[in-house]
Amino acid sequence: MSGEEHHIEYVPESPDVGMAFVGWSALGSLLLLVAAIAGLFGIFHASVPGRAPPAPQAFPQPRVDTTESNELRRITEAQKKKLESWQWADNQHATVQVPIERAMQLLAKQGANAYQPLLASPQVALSPPTAAAERTTIQHGGTPSAAPNGATPLAPEPNK
């Protein structure tokens, strides 16, 4: 073995490539792709109903509001009535909405204390909104009645 040489003989591959095999493989891949697209297209059309788009319609002409001044007058009167009337400000009858003129008078009368929290007793909150006005403006001996717990009375003058 030591004296023997091992000869490896190199035999090159034939330069021919089977073009038929490559052609049939490409054609098979192309047919598989077309079949997949056709299948997905069929599934899509089967599951999504086709509808024609709606016919184009003309937009209606804009309507001109000829009652604008009446509407503005109605809204202004409603706001003015709300600003000038007595009513409950909440459903629990704990807060009264005071007319704006009377509220400005009360704040001006308090001076520097105008922005301190309002003090009111629970008994006052359970009476109707005009009762507080009547109670605080009825004068006994020339002075208004004192509010409970030393609080400043915050009620309007009565209607005469």
Protein backbone atom coordinates (compact mmCIF):
# COMPACT_ATOMS: atom_id res chain seq x y z
CA MET A 1 0.00 0.00 0.00
CA SER A 2 2.75 2.33 0.65
CA GLY A 3 3.94 2.10 -2.88
CA GLU A 4 0.61 2.17 -4.55
CA GLU A 5 -0.80 5.42 -5.74
CA HIS A 6 -4.38 6.24 -5.60
CA HIS A 7 -5.60 7.90 -8.67
CA ILE A 8 -8.88 9.69 -8.61
CA GLU A 9 -10.21 10.18 -12.00
CA TYR A 10 -12.20 13.31 -12.64
CA VAL A 11 -15.21 12.81 -14.92
CA PRO A 12 -17.03 16.09 -15.70
CA GLU A 13 -20.78 16.22 -15.83
CA SER A 14 -22.43 16.59 -19.14
CA PRO A 15 -23.21 20.22 -20.03
CA ASP A 16 -26.69 19.29 -21.09
CA VAL A 17 -29.47 20.25 -18.68
CA GLY A 18 -32.81 18.66 -19.27
CA MET A 19 -34.74 21.65 -20.61
CA ALA A 20 -37.89 19.60 -20.72
CA PHE A 21 -37.76 19.13 -16.97
CA VAL A 22 -37.20 22.87 -16.33
CA GLY A 23 -39.99 23.81 -18.77
CA TRP A 24 -42.49 21.42 -17.23
CA SER A 25 -41.58 22.62 -13.72
CA ALA A 26 -42.09 26.28 -14.69
CA LEU A 27 -45.37 25.49 -16.44
CA GLY A 28 -46.61 23.51 -13.40
CA SER A 29 -45.72 26.38 -11.05
CA LEU A 30 -47.51 28.87 -13.28
CA LEU A 31 -50.62 26.66 -13.47
CA LEU A 32 -50.60 26.26 -9.68
CA LEU A 33 -50.42 30.06 -9.26
CA VAL A 34 -53.30 30.63 -11.71
CA ALA A 35 -55.41 27.96 -9.98
CA ALA A 36 -54.78 29.57 -6.55
CA ILE A 37 -55.75 33.03 -7.82
CA ALA A 38 -58.87 31.68 -9.51
CA GLY A 39 -59.86 29.78 -6.34
CA LEU A 40 -59.44 32.83 -4.13
CA PHE A 41 -61.35 34.97 -6.63
CA GLY A 42 -64.22 32.46 -6.62
CA ILE A 43 -64.29 32.30 -2.82
CA PHE A 44 -64.33 36.11 -2.62
CA HIS A 45 -67.26 36.45 -5.02
CA ALA A 46 -69.15 33.67 -3.28
CA SER A 47 -68.81 35.21 0.18
CA VAL A 48 -69.14 38.94 -0.69
CA PRO A 49 -72.36 39.75 -2.51
CA GLY A 50 -71.88 42.11 -5.38
CA ARG A 51 -74.01 45.24 -5.34
CA ALA A 52 -74.21 47.90 -7.95
CA PRO A 53 -73.29 51.36 -6.73
CA PRO A 54 -76.25 53.66 -6.08
CA ALA A 55 -77.32 55.96 -8.84
CA PRO A 56 -75.98 59.49 -8.48
CA GLN A 57 -78.43 61.90 -6.90
CA ALA A 58 -78.55 65.65 -7.04
CA PHE A 59 -78.16 67.48 -3.75
CA PRO A 60 -81.27 69.35 -2.60
CA GLN A 61 -81.15 73.11 -2.71
CA PRO A 62 -80.35 74.75 0.63
CA ARG A 63 -83.36 75.96 2.55
CA VAL A 64 -83.44 79.60 3.51
CA ASP A 65 -84.63 80.23 7.05
CA THR A 66 -87.01 83.15 6.83
CA THR A 67 -87.97 82.97 10.52
CA GLU A 68 -84.48 83.69 11.82
CA SER A 69 -85.44 86.94 13.54
CA ASN A 70 -88.44 85.24 15.21
CA GLU A 71 -86.21 82.40 16.38
CA LEU A 72 -83.64 84.83 17.77
CA ARG A 73 -86.37 86.76 19.57
CA ARG A 74 -87.79 83.55 21.06
CA ILE A 75 -84.38 82.38 22.29
CA THR A 76 -83.56 85.81 23.73
CA GLU A 77 -86.89 85.96 25.58
CA ALA A 78 -86.37 82.47 27.01
CA GLN A 79 -82.90 83.39 28.24
CA LYS A 80 -84.14 86.67 29.70
CA LYS A 81 -87.00 84.89 31.47
CA LYS A 82 -84.53 82.39 32.95
CA LEU A 83 -82.26 85.21 34.16
CA GLU A 84 -85.18 87.09 35.75
CA SER A 85 -87.04 84.23 37.43
CA TRP A 86 -86.83 82.24 40.64
CA GLN A 87 -86.48 78.48 40.35
CA TRP A 88 -84.76 75.49 41.85
CA ALA A 89 -81.27 74.96 40.43
CA ASP A 90 -81.19 71.26 41.34
CA ASN A 91 -83.58 68.35 41.83
CA GLN A 92 -82.89 68.05 45.57
CA HIS A 93 -84.31 71.57 46.16
CA ALA A 94 -81.10 72.60 47.90
CA THR A 95 -80.04 75.45 45.60
CA VAL A 96 -82.18 78.31 44.33
CA GLN A 97 -81.60 80.18 41.11
CA VAL A 98 -81.83 83.89 41.94
CA PRO A 99 -82.70 86.56 39.36
CA ILE A 100 -79.54 88.18 38.04
CA GLU A 101 -80.35 91.69 39.26
CA ARG A 102 -81.00 90.48 42.81
CA ALA A 103 -77.86 88.33 42.77
CA MET A 104 -75.74 91.33 41.75
CA GLN A 105 -77.31 93.40 44.56
CA LEU A 106 -76.55 90.68 47.10
CA LEU A 107 -72.94 90.33 45.96
CA ALA A 108 -72.42 94.08 45.95
CA LYS A 109 -73.90 94.32 49.48
CA GLN A 110 -71.42 91.73 50.79
CA GLY A 111 -68.41 93.70 49.57
CA ALA A 112 -65.13 91.93 50.35
CA ASN A 113 -66.96 88.82 51.61
CA ALA A 114 -68.75 88.28 48.29
CA TYR A 115 -66.64 85.28 47.29
CA GLN A 116 -66.80 83.38 50.58
CA PRO A 117 -68.89 80.17 50.63
CA LEU A 118 -72.61 80.68 51.21
CA LEU A 119 -74.00 79.43 54.50
CA ALA A 120 -77.48 77.99 54.48
CA SER A 121 -79.32 75.74 56.88
CA PRO A 122 -81.04 72.52 55.66
CA GLN A 123 -84.43 73.93 56.80
CA VAL A 124 -84.06 76.86 54.38
CA ALA A 125 -83.29 74.48 51.51
CA LEU A 126 -86.55 72.56 51.97
CA SER A 127 -88.82 75.56 51.56
CA PRO A 128 -89.99 76.97 48.19
CA PRO A 129 -87.64 79.47 46.53
CA THR A 130 -89.85 82.49 47.22
CA ALA A 131 -90.24 81.62 50.94
CA ALA A 132 -86.61 82.55 51.65
CA ALA A 133 -87.17 85.91 49.97
CA GLU A 134 -90.27 86.57 52.03
CA ARG A 135 -88.64 85.37 55.26
CA THR A 136 -85.56 87.58 54.95
CA THR A 137 -87.28 90.72 53.68
CA ILE A 138 -90.09 90.87 56.19
CA GLN A 139 -88.90 93.51 58.52
CA HIS A 140 -89.36 93.22 62.26
CA GLY A 141 -88.72 96.54 63.93
CA GLY A 142 -86.94 98.05 60.92
CA THR A 143 -84.35 95.26 60.37
CA PRO A 144 -84.56 92.10 58.31
CA SER A 145 -84.87 88.85 60.23
CA ALA A 146 -81.58 87.21 61.11
CA ALA A 147 -80.51 84.16 59.21
CA PRO A 148 -79.88 80.95 61.20
CA ASN A 149 -76.38 80.33 62.60
CA GLY A 150 -75.39 83.95 62.03
CA ALA A 151 -75.28 83.57 58.24
CA THR A 152 -75.88 86.58 56.04
CA PRO A 153 -79.37 86.41 54.50
CA LEU A 154 -79.16 85.95 50.73
CA ALA A 155 -82.68 86.46 49.52
CA PRO A 156 -84.42 88.98 47.26
CA GLU A 157 -87.00 91.51 48.16
CA PRO A 158 -90.64 90.36 47.96
CA ASN A 159 -92.91 91.22 45.05
CA LYS A 160 -95.45 93.88 46.06
